């Protein structure tokens, strides 16, 4: 009885929540940058040189170096990217993918795509 109480209390207090949250997928919108906007070759927020054709992303708060599995739920395409920059700074968007990453999962002509992402 006491053992089940502690197990129930642990679940209620969130002892198992971090693993559940990390495994969860977030769906939102992503845009891209790096081609035609002057960012290619500039320094990213993590200090690296931004390569528009690489597989990187900008996120407002995830630690630099975090790898994300990003998928397009409409066509099923996926790409693994690394957080190297900060942004996007437009409401409703959680990721700003490099042109190369966006091009793997959606047509750059559409500008913005619905994506689902989780830690890789």
PDB file of N, CA and C in Angstrom:
ATOM      1  N   UNK A   1       0.826  -1.199   0.000  1.00  0.00           N
ATOM      2  CA  UNK A   1       0.000   0.000   0.000  1.00  0.00           C
ATOM      3  C   UNK A   1       0.861   1.250   0.000  1.00  0.00           C
ATOM      4  N   UNK A   2       1.878   1.284   0.849  1.00  0.00           N
ATOM      5  CA  UNK A   2       2.755   2.446   0.934  1.00  0.00           C
ATOM      6  C   UNK A   2       3.521   2.632  -0.376  1.00  0.00           C
ATOM      7  N   UNK A   3       3.954   1.512  -0.973  1.00  0.00           N
ATOM      8  CA  UNK A   3       4.682   1.569  -2.242  1.00  0.00           C
ATOM      9  C   UNK A   3       3.807   2.187  -3.339  1.00  0.00           C
ATOM     10  N   UNK A   4       2.548   1.785  -3.429  1.00  0.00           N
ATOM     11  CA  UNK A   4       1.672   2.341  -4.456  1.00  0.00           C
ATOM     12  C   UNK A   4       1.386   3.819  -4.201  1.00  0.00           C
ATOM     13  N   UNK A   5       1.351   4.227  -2.914  1.00  0.00           N
ATOM     14  CA  UNK A   5       1.171   5.639  -2.606  1.00  0.00           C
ATOM     15  C   UNK A   5       2.321   6.468  -3.158  1.00  0.00           C
ATOM     16  N   UNK A   6       3.570   6.009  -2.931  1.00  0.00           N
ATOM     17  CA  UNK A   6       4.724   6.756  -3.416  1.00  0.00           C
ATOM     18  C   UNK A   6       4.778   6.782  -4.935  1.00  0.00           C
ATOM     19  N   UNK A   7       4.401   5.688  -5.576  1.00  0.00           N
ATOM     20  CA  UNK A   7       4.355   5.652  -7.033  1.00  0.00           C
ATOM     21  C   UNK A   7       3.318   6.647  -7.548  1.00  0.00           C
ATOM     22  N   UNK A   8       2.148   6.675  -6.941  1.00  0.00           N
ATOM     23  CA  UNK A   8       1.096   7.616  -7.347  1.00  0.00           C
ATOM     24  C   UNK A   8       1.540   9.049  -7.103  1.00  0.00           C
ATOM     25  N   UNK A   9       2.176   9.311  -5.965  1.00  0.00           N
ATOM     26  CA  UNK A   9       2.650  10.664  -5.655  1.00  0.00           C
ATOM     27  C   UNK A   9       3.720  11.093  -6.646  1.00  0.00           C
ATOM     28  N   UNK A  10       4.592  10.178  -7.042  1.00  0.00           N
ATOM     29  CA  UNK A  10       5.646  10.509  -8.008  1.00  0.00           C
ATOM     30  C   UNK A  10       5.053  10.910  -9.347  1.00  0.00           C
ATOM     31  N   UNK A  11       4.040  10.197  -9.770  1.00  0.00           N
ATOM     32  CA  UNK A  11       3.401  10.507 -11.052  1.00  0.00           C
ATOM     33  C   UNK A  11       2.694  11.855 -10.974  1.00  0.00           C
ATOM     34  N   UNK A  12       1.963  12.084  -9.895  1.00  0.00           N
ATOM     35  CA  UNK A  12       1.236  13.342  -9.729  1.00  0.00           C
ATOM     36  C   UNK A  12       2.197  14.518  -9.652  1.00  0.00           C
ATOM     37  N   UNK A  13       3.322  14.341  -8.958  1.00  0.00           N
ATOM     38  CA  UNK A  13       4.286  15.427  -8.792  1.00  0.00           C
ATOM     39  C   UNK A  13       5.181  15.605 -10.008  1.00  0.00           C
ATOM     40  N   UNK A  14       5.054  14.736 -10.996  1.00  0.00           N
ATOM     41  CA  UNK A  14       5.786  14.918 -12.241  1.00  0.00           C
ATOM     42  C   UNK A  14       7.136  14.252 -12.292  1.00  0.00           C
ATOM     43  N   UNK A  15       7.399  13.268 -11.456  1.00  0.00           N
ATOM     44  CA  UNK A  15       8.693  12.598 -11.460  1.00  0.00           C
ATOM     45  C   UNK A  15       8.963  11.935 -12.804  1.00  0.00           C
ATOM     46  N   UNK A  16       7.921  11.522 -13.502  1.00  0.00           N
ATOM     47  CA  UNK A  16       8.101  10.879 -14.793  1.00  0.00           C
ATOM     48  C   UNK A  16       7.825  11.826 -15.957  1.00  0.00           C
ATOM     49  N   UNK A  17       7.441  13.039 -15.688  1.00  0.00           N
ATOM     50  CA  UNK A  17       7.055  13.995 -16.734  1.00  0.00           C
ATOM     51  C   UNK A  17       8.174  14.357 -17.696  1.00  0.00           C
ATOM     52  N   UNK A  18       9.442  14.585 -17.249  1.00  0.00           N
ATOM     53  CA  UNK A  18      10.461  14.998 -18.213  1.00  0.00           C
ATOM     54  C   UNK A  18      10.638  14.022 -19.361  1.00  0.00           C
ATOM     55  N   UNK A  19      10.651  12.719 -19.083  1.00  0.00           N
ATOM     56  CA  UNK A  19      10.804  11.746 -20.158  1.00  0.00           C
ATOM     57  C   UNK A  19       9.612  11.769 -21.093  1.00  0.00           C
ATOM     58  N   UNK A  20       8.415  11.928 -20.538  1.00  0.00           N
ATOM     59  CA  UNK A  20       7.215  11.972 -21.373  1.00  0.00           C
ATOM     60  C   UNK A  20       7.226  13.210 -22.255  1.00  0.00           C
ATOM     61  N   UNK A  21       7.662  14.339 -21.706  1.00  0.00           N
ATOM     62  CA  UNK A  21       7.681  15.582 -22.477  1.00  0.00           C
ATOM     63  C   UNK A  21       8.711  15.503 -23.585  1.00  0.00           C
ATOM     64  N   UNK A  22       9.902  14.951 -23.292  1.00  0.00           N
ATOM     65  CA  UNK A  22      10.953  14.874 -24.307  1.00  0.00           C
ATOM     66  C   UNK A  22      10.545  13.985 -25.471  1.00  0.00           C
ATOM     67  N   UNK A  23       9.736  12.966 -25.201  1.00  0.00           N
ATOM     68  CA  UNK A  23       9.326  12.056 -26.250  1.00  0.00           C
ATOM     69  C   UNK A  23       8.160  12.608 -27.062  1.00  0.00           C
ATOM     70  N   UNK A  24       7.488  13.613 -26.547  1.00  0.00           N
ATOM     71  CA  UNK A  24       6.311  14.159 -27.211  1.00  0.00           C
ATOM     72  C   UNK A  24       6.696  14.918 -28.477  1.00  0.00           C
ATOM     73  N   UNK A  25       5.809  14.910 -29.412  1.00  0.00           N
ATOM     74  CA  UNK A  25       5.995  15.640 -30.653  1.00  0.00           C
ATOM     75  C   UNK A  25       5.195  16.940 -30.588  1.00  0.00           C
ATOM     76  N   UNK A  26       5.795  18.002 -31.094  1.00  0.00           N
ATOM     77  CA  UNK A  26       5.143  19.309 -31.140  1.00  0.00           C
ATOM     78  C   UNK A  26       4.831  19.614 -32.597  1.00  0.00           C
ATOM     79  N   UNK A  27       3.621  20.035 -32.875  1.00  0.00           N
ATOM     80  CA  UNK A  27       3.263  20.412 -34.240  1.00  0.00           C
ATOM     81  C   UNK A  27       3.026  21.911 -34.295  1.00  0.00           C
ATOM     82  N   UNK A  28       3.618  22.551 -35.273  1.00  0.00           N
ATOM     83  CA  UNK A  28       3.503  23.995 -35.447  1.00  0.00           C
ATOM     84  C   UNK A  28       3.879  24.332 -36.881  1.00  0.00           C
ATOM     85  N   UNK A  29       4.302  25.538 -37.105  1.00  0.00           N
ATOM     86  CA  UNK A  29       4.702  25.964 -38.445  1.00  0.00           C
ATOM     87  C   UNK A  29       6.182  26.320 -38.462  1.00  0.00           C
ATOM     88  N   UNK A  30       6.812  26.047 -39.590  1.00  0.00           N
ATOM     89  CA  UNK A  30       8.224  26.369 -39.771  1.00  0.00           C
ATOM     90  C   UNK A  30       8.390  27.158 -41.060  1.00  0.00           C
ATOM     91  N   UNK A  31       9.330  28.065 -41.033  1.00  0.00           N
ATOM     92  CA  UNK A  31       9.722  28.819 -42.219  1.00  0.00           C
ATOM     93  C   UNK A  31      11.175  28.457 -42.517  1.00  0.00           C
ATOM     94  N   UNK A  32      11.782  29.101 -43.491  1.00  0.00           N
ATOM     95  CA  UNK A  32      13.192  28.845 -43.786  1.00  0.00           C
ATOM     96  C   UNK A  32      13.918  30.164 -44.004  1.00  0.00           C
ATOM     97  N   UNK A  33      15.241  30.095 -43.925  1.00  0.00           N
ATOM     98  CA  UNK A  33      16.054  31.275 -44.194  1.00  0.00           C
ATOM     99  C   UNK A  33      17.405  30.847 -44.751  1.00  0.00           C
ATOM    100  N   UNK A  34      18.116  31.821 -45.305  1.00  0.00           N
ATOM    101  CA  UNK A  34      19.470  31.569 -45.775  1.00  0.00           C
ATOM    102  C   UNK A  34      19.710  31.774 -47.253  1.00  0.00           C
ATOM    103  N   UNK A  35      18.685  31.745 -48.080  1.00  0.00           N
ATOM    104  CA  UNK A  35      18.868  31.948 -49.521  1.00  0.00           C
ATOM    105  C   UNK A  35      18.133  33.221 -49.915  1.00  0.00           C
ATOM    106  N   UNK A  36      18.872  34.167 -50.448  1.00  0.00           N
ATOM    107  CA  UNK A  36      18.282  35.414 -50.900  1.00  0.00           C
ATOM    108  C   UNK A  36      18.027  36.437 -49.805  1.00  0.00           C
ATOM    109  N   UNK A  37      18.429  36.133 -48.582  1.00  0.00           N
ATOM    110  CA  UNK A  37      18.180  37.082 -47.495  1.00  0.00           C
ATOM    111  C   UNK A  37      19.468  37.591 -46.835  1.00  0.00           C
ATOM    112  N   UNK A  38      20.614  37.144 -47.330  1.00  0.00           N
ATOM    113  CA  UNK A  38      21.890  37.640 -46.823  1.00  0.00           C
ATOM    114  C   UNK A  38      22.441  36.921 -45.608  1.00  0.00           C
ATOM    115  N   UNK A  39      21.778  35.883 -45.096  1.00  0.00           N
ATOM    116  CA  UNK A  39      22.257  35.190 -43.897  1.00  0.00           C
ATOM    117  C   UNK A  39      23.308  34.116 -44.182  1.00  0.00           C
ATOM    118  N   UNK A  40      23.323  33.576 -45.411  1.00  0.00           N
ATOM    119  CA  UNK A  40      24.284  32.527 -45.751  1.00  0.00           C
ATOM    120  C   UNK A  40      25.708  33.037 -45.513  1.00  0.00           C
ATOM    121  N   UNK A  41      26.468  32.292 -44.737  1.00  0.00           N
ATOM    122  CA  UNK A  41      27.864  32.651 -44.464  1.00  0.00           C
ATOM    123  C   UNK A  41      28.064  33.528 -43.241  1.00  0.00           C
ATOM    124  N   UNK A  42      26.989  34.076 -42.688  1.00  0.00           N
ATOM    125  CA  UNK A  42      27.124  34.900 -41.482  1.00  0.00           C
ATOM    126  C   UNK A  42      27.262  34.009 -40.248  1.00  0.00           C
ATOM    127  N   UNK A  43      27.613  34.623 -39.143  1.00  0.00           N
ATOM    128  CA  UNK A  43      27.763  33.881 -37.897  1.00  0.00           C
ATOM    129  C   UNK A  43      26.396  33.616 -37.268  1.00  0.00           C
ATOM    130  N   UNK A  44      26.150  32.347 -36.929  1.00  0.00           N
ATOM    131  CA  UNK A  44      24.911  31.972 -36.234  1.00  0.00           C
ATOM    132  C   UNK A  44      25.076  32.284 -34.749  1.00  0.00           C
ATOM    133  N   UNK A  45      24.002  32.210 -34.006  1.00  0.00           N
ATOM    134  CA  UNK A  45      24.027  32.555 -32.584  1.00  0.00           C
ATOM    135  C   UNK A  45      24.957  31.652 -31.771  1.00  0.00           C
ATOM    136  N   UNK A  46      25.193  30.424 -32.221  1.00  0.00           N
ATOM    137  CA  UNK A  46      26.090  29.525 -31.482  1.00  0.00           C
ATOM    138  C   UNK A  46      27.556  29.751 -31.825  1.00  0.00           C
ATOM    139  N   UNK A  47      27.830  30.690 -32.732  1.00  0.00           N
ATOM    140  CA  UNK A  47      29.204  31.004 -33.119  1.00  0.00           C
ATOM    141  C   UNK A  47      29.660  30.337 -34.394  1.00  0.00           C
ATOM    142  N   UNK A  48      28.906  29.384 -34.908  1.00  0.00           N
ATOM    143  CA  UNK A  48      29.282  28.714 -36.156  1.00  0.00           C
ATOM    144  C   UNK A  48      28.927  29.600 -37.354  1.00  0.00           C
ATOM    145  N   UNK A  49      29.483  29.257 -38.511  1.00  0.00           N
ATOM    146  CA  UNK A  49      29.159  29.967 -39.742  1.00  0.00           C
ATOM    147  C   UNK A  49      27.911  29.314 -40.335  1.00  0.00           C
ATOM    148  N   UNK A  50      26.873  30.103 -40.561  1.00  0.00           N
ATOM    149  CA  UNK A  50      25.609  29.577 -41.064  1.00  0.00           C
ATOM    150  C   UNK A  50      25.736  29.146 -42.508  1.00  0.00           C
ATOM    151  N   UNK A  51      25.330  27.899 -42.780  1.00  0.00           N
ATOM    152  CA  UNK A  51      25.310  27.349 -44.131  1.00  0.00           C
ATOM    153  C   UNK A  51      23.852  27.132 -44.508  1.00  0.00           C
ATOM    154  N   UNK A  52      23.365  27.914 -45.439  1.00  0.00           N
ATOM    155  CA  UNK A  52      21.957  27.830 -45.845  1.00  0.00           C
ATOM    156  C   UNK A  52      21.595  26.455 -46.388  1.00  0.00           C
ATOM    157  N   UNK A  53      22.578  25.717 -46.891  1.00  0.00           N
ATOM    158  CA  UNK A  53      22.311  24.412 -47.480  1.00  0.00           C
ATOM    159  C   UNK A  53      22.539  23.269 -46.499  1.00  0.00           C
ATOM    160  N   UNK A  54      22.905  23.597 -45.278  1.00  0.00           N
ATOM    161  CA  UNK A  54      23.101  22.601 -44.231  1.00  0.00           C
ATOM    162  C   UNK A  54      21.777  22.193 -43.606  1.00  0.00           C
ATOM    163  N   UNK A  55      21.869  21.360 -42.584  1.00  0.00           N
ATOM    164  CA  UNK A  55      20.670  20.848 -41.915  1.00  0.00           C
ATOM    165  C   UNK A  55      20.629  21.400 -40.490  1.00  0.00           C
ATOM    166  N   UNK A  56      20.265  22.662 -40.392  1.00  0.00           N
ATOM    167  CA  UNK A  56      20.217  23.350 -39.108  1.00  0.00           C
ATOM    168  C   UNK A  56      18.878  24.050 -38.927  1.00  0.00           C
ATOM    169  N   UNK A  57      18.658  24.530 -37.710  1.00  0.00           N
ATOM    170  CA  UNK A  57      17.425  25.247 -37.410  1.00  0.00           C
ATOM    171  C   UNK A  57      17.672  26.307 -36.359  1.00  0.00           C
ATOM    172  N   UNK A  58      16.777  27.271 -36.324  1.00  0.00           N
ATOM    173  CA  UNK A  58      16.739  28.267 -35.263  1.00  0.00           C
ATOM    174  C   UNK A  58      15.539  27.958 -34.382  1.00  0.00           C
ATOM    175  N   UNK A  59      15.731  28.070 -33.073  1.00  0.00           N
ATOM    176  CA  UNK A  59      14.656  27.894 -32.101  1.00  0.00           C
ATOM    177  C   UNK A  59      14.877  28.931 -31.011  1.00  0.00           C
ATOM    178  N   UNK A  60      13.803  29.425 -30.423  1.00  0.00           N
ATOM    179  CA  UNK A  60      13.914  30.495 -29.429  1.00  0.00           C
ATOM    180  C   UNK A  60      14.666  30.108 -28.166  1.00  0.00           C
ATOM    181  N   UNK A  61      14.510  28.858 -27.693  1.00  0.00           N
ATOM    182  CA  UNK A  61      15.073  28.539 -26.377  1.00  0.00           C
ATOM    183  C   UNK A  61      15.782  27.200 -26.235  1.00  0.00           C
ATOM    184  N   UNK A  62      15.639  26.275 -27.164  1.00  0.00           N
ATOM    185  CA  UNK A  62      16.323  24.989 -27.027  1.00  0.00           C
ATOM    186  C   UNK A  62      17.835  25.201 -27.016  1.00  0.00           C
ATOM    187  N   UNK A  63      18.563  24.411 -26.245  1.00  0.00           N
ATOM    188  CA  UNK A  63      20.024  24.570 -26.193  1.00  0.00           C
ATOM    189  C   UNK A  63      20.667  24.335 -27.563  1.00  0.00           C
ATOM    190  N   UNK A  64      21.724  25.089 -27.838  1.00  0.00           N
ATOM    191  CA  UNK A  64      22.476  24.876 -29.073  1.00  0.00           C
ATOM    192  C   UNK A  64      23.004  23.443 -29.074  1.00  0.00           C
ATOM    193  N   UNK A  65      22.986  22.825 -30.251  1.00  0.00           N
ATOM    194  CA  UNK A  65      23.437  21.449 -30.383  1.00  0.00           C
ATOM    195  C   UNK A  65      22.325  20.428 -30.246  1.00  0.00           C
ATOM    196  N   UNK A  66      21.139  20.855 -29.821  1.00  0.00           N
ATOM    197  CA  UNK A  66      20.003  19.933 -29.712  1.00  0.00           C
ATOM    198  C   UNK A  66      19.630  19.449 -31.111  1.00  0.00           C
ATOM    199  N   UNK A  67      19.477  18.145 -31.252  1.00  0.00           N
ATOM    200  CA  UNK A  67      19.085  17.576 -32.542  1.00  0.00           C
ATOM    201  C   UNK A  67      17.583  17.306 -32.519  1.00  0.00           C
ATOM    202  N   UNK A  68      16.921  17.700 -33.591  1.00  0.00           N
ATOM    203  CA  UNK A  68      15.475  17.540 -33.703  1.00  0.00           C
ATOM    204  C   UNK A  68      15.123  16.715 -34.931  1.00  0.00           C
ATOM    205  N   UNK A  69      14.132  15.866 -34.785  1.00  0.00           N
ATOM    206  CA  UNK A  69      13.561  15.151 -35.919  1.00  0.00           C
ATOM    207  C   UNK A  69      12.340  15.953 -36.343  1.00  0.00           C
ATOM    208  N   UNK A  70      12.388  16.511 -37.540  1.00  0.00           N
ATOM    209  CA  UNK A  70      11.313  17.359 -38.052  1.00  0.00           C
ATOM    210  C   UNK A  70      10.631  16.616 -39.193  1.00  0.00           C
ATOM    211  N   UNK A  71       9.302  16.527 -39.135  1.00  0.00           N
ATOM    212  CA  UNK A  71       8.569  15.835 -40.187  1.00  0.00           C
ATOM    213  C   UNK A  71       7.444  16.705 -40.728  1.00  0.00           C
ATOM    214  N   UNK A  72       7.140  16.477 -41.981  1.00  0.00           N
ATOM    215  CA  UNK A  72       6.036  17.147 -42.641  1.00  0.00           C
ATOM    216  C   UNK A  72       4.870  16.158 -42.633  1.00  0.00           C
ATOM    217  N   UNK A  73       3.815  16.418 -41.859  1.00  0.00           N
ATOM    218  CA  UNK A  73       2.716  15.447 -41.756  1.00  0.00           C
ATOM    219  C   UNK A  73       1.921  15.277 -43.050  1.00  0.00           C
ATOM    220  N   UNK A  74       2.059  16.202 -43.968  1.00  0.00           N
ATOM    221  CA  UNK A  74       1.305  16.107 -45.223  1.00  0.00           C
ATOM    222  C   UNK A  74       1.940  15.112 -46.192  1.00  0.00           C
ATOM    223  N   UNK A  75       3.284  15.130 -46.294  1.00  0.00           N
ATOM    224  CA  UNK A  75       3.940  14.237 -47.249  1.00  0.00           C
ATOM    225  C   UNK A  75       4.795  13.156 -46.582  1.00  0.00           C
ATOM    226  N   UNK A  76       4.943  13.192 -45.254  1.00  0.00           N
ATOM    227  CA  UNK A  76       5.689  12.176 -44.531  1.00  0.00           C
ATOM    228  C   UNK A  76       7.200  12.308 -44.567  1.00  0.00           C
ATOM    229  N   UNK A  77       7.715  13.321 -45.226  1.00  0.00           N
ATOM    230  CA  UNK A  77       9.170  13.504 -45.304  1.00  0.00           C
ATOM    231  C   UNK A  77       9.711  13.967 -43.952  1.00  0.00           C
ATOM    232  N   UNK A  78      10.936  13.526 -43.635  1.00  0.00           N
ATOM    233  CA  UNK A  78      11.569  13.899 -42.376  1.00  0.00           C
ATOM    234  C   UNK A  78      13.004  14.361 -42.600  1.00  0.00           C
ATOM    235  N   UNK A  79      13.512  15.101 -41.626  1.00  0.00           N
ATOM    236  CA  UNK A  79      14.902  15.548 -41.646  1.00  0.00           C
ATOM    237  C   UNK A  79      15.357  15.728 -40.197  1.00  0.00           C
ATOM    238  N   UNK A  80      16.609  15.440 -39.925  1.00  0.00           N
ATOM    239  CA  UNK A  80      17.185  15.680 -38.601  1.00  0.00           C
ATOM    240  C   UNK A  80      18.027  16.943 -38.703  1.00  0.00           C
ATOM    241  N   UNK A  81      17.746  17.893 -37.828  1.00  0.00           N
ATOM    242  CA  UNK A  81      18.448  19.178 -37.833  1.00  0.00           C
ATOM    243  C   UNK A  81      19.067  19.438 -36.458  1.00  0.00           C
ATOM    244  N   UNK A  82      20.012  20.377 -36.432  1.00  0.00           N
ATOM    245  CA  UNK A  82      20.672  20.774 -35.194  1.00  0.00           C
ATOM    246  C   UNK A  82      20.379  22.239 -34.925  1.00  0.00           C
ATOM    247  N   UNK A  83      20.050  22.568 -33.674  1.00  0.00           N
ATOM    248  CA  UNK A  83      19.783  23.960 -33.294  1.00  0.00           C
ATOM    249  C   UNK A  83      21.109  24.713 -33.223  1.00  0.00           C
ATOM    250  N   UNK A  84      21.243  25.735 -34.073  1.00  0.00           N
ATOM    251  CA  UNK A  84      22.462  26.551 -34.103  1.00  0.00           C
ATOM    252  C   UNK A  84      22.175  28.042 -33.991  1.00  0.00           C
ATOM    253  N   UNK A  85      20.904  28.417 -34.015  1.00  0.00           N
ATOM    254  CA  UNK A  85      20.561  29.834 -34.094  1.00  0.00           C
ATOM    255  C   UNK A  85      19.302  30.110 -33.282  1.00  0.00           C
ATOM    256  N   UNK A  86      18.975  31.373 -33.117  1.00  0.00           N
ATOM    257  CA  UNK A  86      17.768  31.791 -32.390  1.00  0.00           C
ATOM    258  C   UNK A  86      16.732  32.348 -33.362  1.00  0.00           C
ATOM    259  N   UNK A  87      15.486  32.130 -33.039  1.00  0.00           N
ATOM    260  CA  UNK A  87      14.379  32.567 -33.872  1.00  0.00           C
ATOM    261  C   UNK A  87      13.389  31.434 -33.946  1.00  0.00           C
ATOM    262  N   UNK A  88      12.388  31.481 -34.750  1.00  0.00           N
ATOM    263  CA  UNK A  88      11.929  32.644 -35.520  1.00  0.00           C
ATOM    264  C   UNK A  88      11.245  33.648 -34.597  1.00  0.00           C
ATOM    265  N   UNK A  89      11.119  34.826 -35.077  1.00  0.00           N
ATOM    266  CA  UNK A  89      10.537  35.902 -34.276  1.00  0.00           C
ATOM    267  C   UNK A  89       9.190  36.349 -34.830  1.00  0.00           C
ATOM    268  N   UNK A  90       8.474  35.391 -35.396  1.00  0.00           N
ATOM    269  CA  UNK A  90       7.128  35.626 -35.929  1.00  0.00           C
ATOM    270  C   UNK A  90       6.176  34.702 -35.168  1.00  0.00           C
ATOM    271  N   UNK A  91       5.113  35.242 -34.626  1.00  0.00           N
ATOM    272  CA  UNK A  91       4.152  34.466 -33.840  1.00  0.00           C
ATOM    273  C   UNK A  91       3.604  33.294 -34.651  1.00  0.00           C
ATOM    274  N   UNK A  92       3.446  32.161 -34.002  1.00  0.00           N
ATOM    275  CA  UNK A  92       2.882  30.992 -34.650  1.00  0.00           C
ATOM    276  C   UNK A  92       3.896  30.074 -35.299  1.00  0.00           C
ATOM    277  N   UNK A  93       5.162  30.470 -35.300  1.00  0.00           N
ATOM    278  CA  UNK A  93       6.222  29.634 -35.862  1.00  0.00           C
ATOM    279  C   UNK A  93       7.185  29.247 -34.750  1.00  0.00           C
ATOM    280  N   UNK A  94       7.544  27.964 -34.705  1.00  0.00           N
ATOM    281  CA  UNK A  94       8.474  27.488 -33.682  1.00  0.00           C
ATOM    282  C   UNK A  94       9.873  27.233 -34.211  1.00  0.00           C
ATOM    283  N   UNK A  95       9.988  26.962 -35.502  1.00  0.00           N
ATOM    284  CA  UNK A  95      11.285  26.662 -36.097  1.00  0.00           C
ATOM    285  C   UNK A  95      11.513  27.531 -37.317  1.00  0.00           C
ATOM    286  N   UNK A  96      12.759  27.909 -37.496  1.00  0.00           N
ATOM    287  CA  UNK A  96      13.197  28.572 -38.721  1.00  0.00           C
ATOM    288  C   UNK A  96      14.290  27.675 -39.279  1.00  0.00           C
ATOM    289  N   UNK A  97      13.934  26.854 -40.243  1.00  0.00           N
ATOM    290  CA  UNK A  97      14.857  25.868 -40.806  1.00  0.00           C
ATOM    291  C   UNK A  97      15.802  26.502 -41.818  1.00  0.00           C
ATOM    292  N   UNK A  98      16.991  25.944 -41.932  1.00  0.00           N
ATOM    293  CA  UNK A  98      17.867  26.361 -43.020  1.00  0.00           C
ATOM    294  C   UNK A  98      17.173  25.982 -44.335  1.00  0.00           C
ATOM    295  N   UNK A  99      17.540  26.654 -45.408  1.00  0.00           N
ATOM    296  CA  UNK A  99      16.943  26.372 -46.708  1.00  0.00           C
ATOM    297  C   UNK A  99      17.108  24.895 -47.057  1.00  0.00           C
ATOM    298  N   UNK A 100      18.291  24.344 -46.800  1.00  0.00           N
ATOM    299  CA  UNK A 100      18.563  22.942 -47.124  1.00  0.00           C
ATOM    300  C   UNK A 100      17.651  21.986 -46.381  1.00  0.00           C
ATOM    301  N   UNK A 101      17.396  22.255 -45.116  1.00  0.00           N
ATOM    302  CA  UNK A 101      16.514  21.393 -44.317  1.00  0.00           C
ATOM    303  C   UNK A 101      15.065  21.521 -44.778  1.00  0.00           C
ATOM    304  N   UNK A 102      14.622  22.740 -44.991  1.00  0.00           N
ATOM    305  CA  UNK A 102      13.240  22.973 -45.433  1.00  0.00           C
ATOM    306  C   UNK A 102      12.999  22.292 -46.779  1.00  0.00           C
ATOM    307  N   UNK A 103      13.958  22.397 -47.670  1.00  0.00           N
ATOM    308  CA  UNK A 103      13.849  21.832 -49.011  1.00  0.00           C
ATOM    309  C   UNK A 103      13.705  20.306 -48.977  1.00  0.00           C
ATOM    310  N   UNK A 104      14.196  19.655 -47.932  1.00  0.00           N
ATOM    311  CA  UNK A 104      14.076  18.199 -47.812  1.00  0.00           C
ATOM    312  C   UNK A 104      12.662  17.758 -47.452  1.00  0.00           C
ATOM    313  N   UNK A 105      11.894  18.647 -46.809  1.00  0.00           N
ATOM    314  CA  UNK A 105      10.561  18.219 -46.348  1.00  0.00           C
ATOM    315  C   UNK A 105       9.405  18.966 -47.004  1.00  0.00           C
ATOM    316  N   UNK A 106       9.699  20.087 -47.669  1.00  0.00           N
ATOM    317  CA  UNK A 106       8.635  20.882 -48.296  1.00  0.00           C
ATOM    318  C   UNK A 106       9.213  21.706 -49.442  1.00  0.00           C
ATOM    319  N   UNK A 107       8.347  22.242 -50.259  1.00  0.00           N
ATOM    320  CA  UNK A 107       8.768  23.102 -51.356  1.00  0.00           C
ATOM    321  C   UNK A 107       9.045  24.507 -50.822  1.00  0.00           C
ATOM    322  N   UNK A 108      10.262  25.031 -51.043  1.00  0.00           N
ATOM    323  CA  UNK A 108      10.569  26.383 -50.576  1.00  0.00           C
ATOM    324  C   UNK A 108       9.609  27.435 -51.123  1.00  0.00           C
ATOM    325  N   UNK A 109       8.964  27.158 -52.260  1.00  0.00           N
ATOM    326  CA  UNK A 109       8.020  28.095 -52.847  1.00  0.00           C
ATOM    327  C   UNK A 109       6.822  28.390 -51.951  1.00  0.00           C
ATOM    328  N   UNK A 110       6.502  27.457 -51.063  1.00  0.00           N
ATOM    329  CA  UNK A 110       5.369  27.698 -50.175  1.00  0.00           C
ATOM    330  C   UNK A 110       5.742  28.585 -48.997  1.00  0.00           C
ATOM    331  N   UNK A 111       7.024  28.733 -48.690  1.00  0.00           N
ATOM    332  CA  UNK A 111       7.472  29.664 -47.656  1.00  0.00           C
ATOM    333  C   UNK A 111       7.319  29.193 -46.231  1.00  0.00           C
ATOM    334  N   UNK A 112       6.191  28.608 -45.894  1.00  0.00           N
ATOM    335  CA  UNK A 112       5.909  28.120 -44.541  1.00  0.00           C
ATOM    336  C   UNK A 112       5.271  26.744 -44.672  1.00  0.00           C
ATOM    337  N   UNK A 113       5.622  25.842 -43.761  1.00  0.00           N
ATOM    338  CA  UNK A 113       5.032  24.501 -43.791  1.00  0.00           C
ATOM    339  C   UNK A 113       4.649  24.069 -42.388  1.00  0.00           C
ATOM    340  N   UNK A 114       3.570  23.302 -42.310  1.00  0.00           N
ATOM    341  CA  UNK A 114       3.211  22.694 -41.031  1.00  0.00           C
ATOM    342  C   UNK A 114       4.177  21.549 -40.799  1.00  0.00           C
ATOM    343  N   UNK A 115       4.763  21.486 -39.604  1.00  0.00           N
ATOM    344  CA  UNK A 115       5.721  20.445 -39.266  1.00  0.00           C
ATOM    345  C   UNK A 115       5.417  19.923 -37.867  1.00  0.00           C
ATOM    346  N   UNK A 116       5.889  18.717 -37.609  1.00  0.00           N
ATOM    347  CA  UNK A 116       5.871  18.141 -36.273  1.00  0.00           C
ATOM    348  C   UNK A 116       7.318  17.818 -35.943  1.00  0.00           C
ATOM    349  N   UNK A 117       7.728  18.088 -34.712  1.00  0.00           N
ATOM    350  CA  UNK A 117       9.118  17.867 -34.356  1.00  0.00           C
ATOM    351  C   UNK A 117       9.245  17.375 -32.925  1.00  0.00           C
ATOM    352  N   UNK A 118      10.330  16.634 -32.705  1.00  0.00           N
ATOM    353  CA  UNK A 118      10.652  16.125 -31.379  1.00  0.00           C
ATOM    354  C   UNK A 118      12.170  15.991 -31.301  1.00  0.00           C
ATOM    355  N   UNK A 119      12.672  15.798 -30.099  1.00  0.00           N
ATOM    356  CA  UNK A 119      14.118  15.609 -29.957  1.00  0.00           C
ATOM    357  C   UNK A 119      14.516  14.298 -30.614  1.00  0.00           C
ATOM    358  N   UNK A 120      15.593  14.348 -31.370  1.00  0.00           N
ATOM    359  CA  UNK A 120      16.062  13.157 -32.100  1.00  0.00           C
ATOM    360  C   UNK A 120      16.926  12.283 -31.210  1.00  0.00           C
TER     361      UNK A 120
END
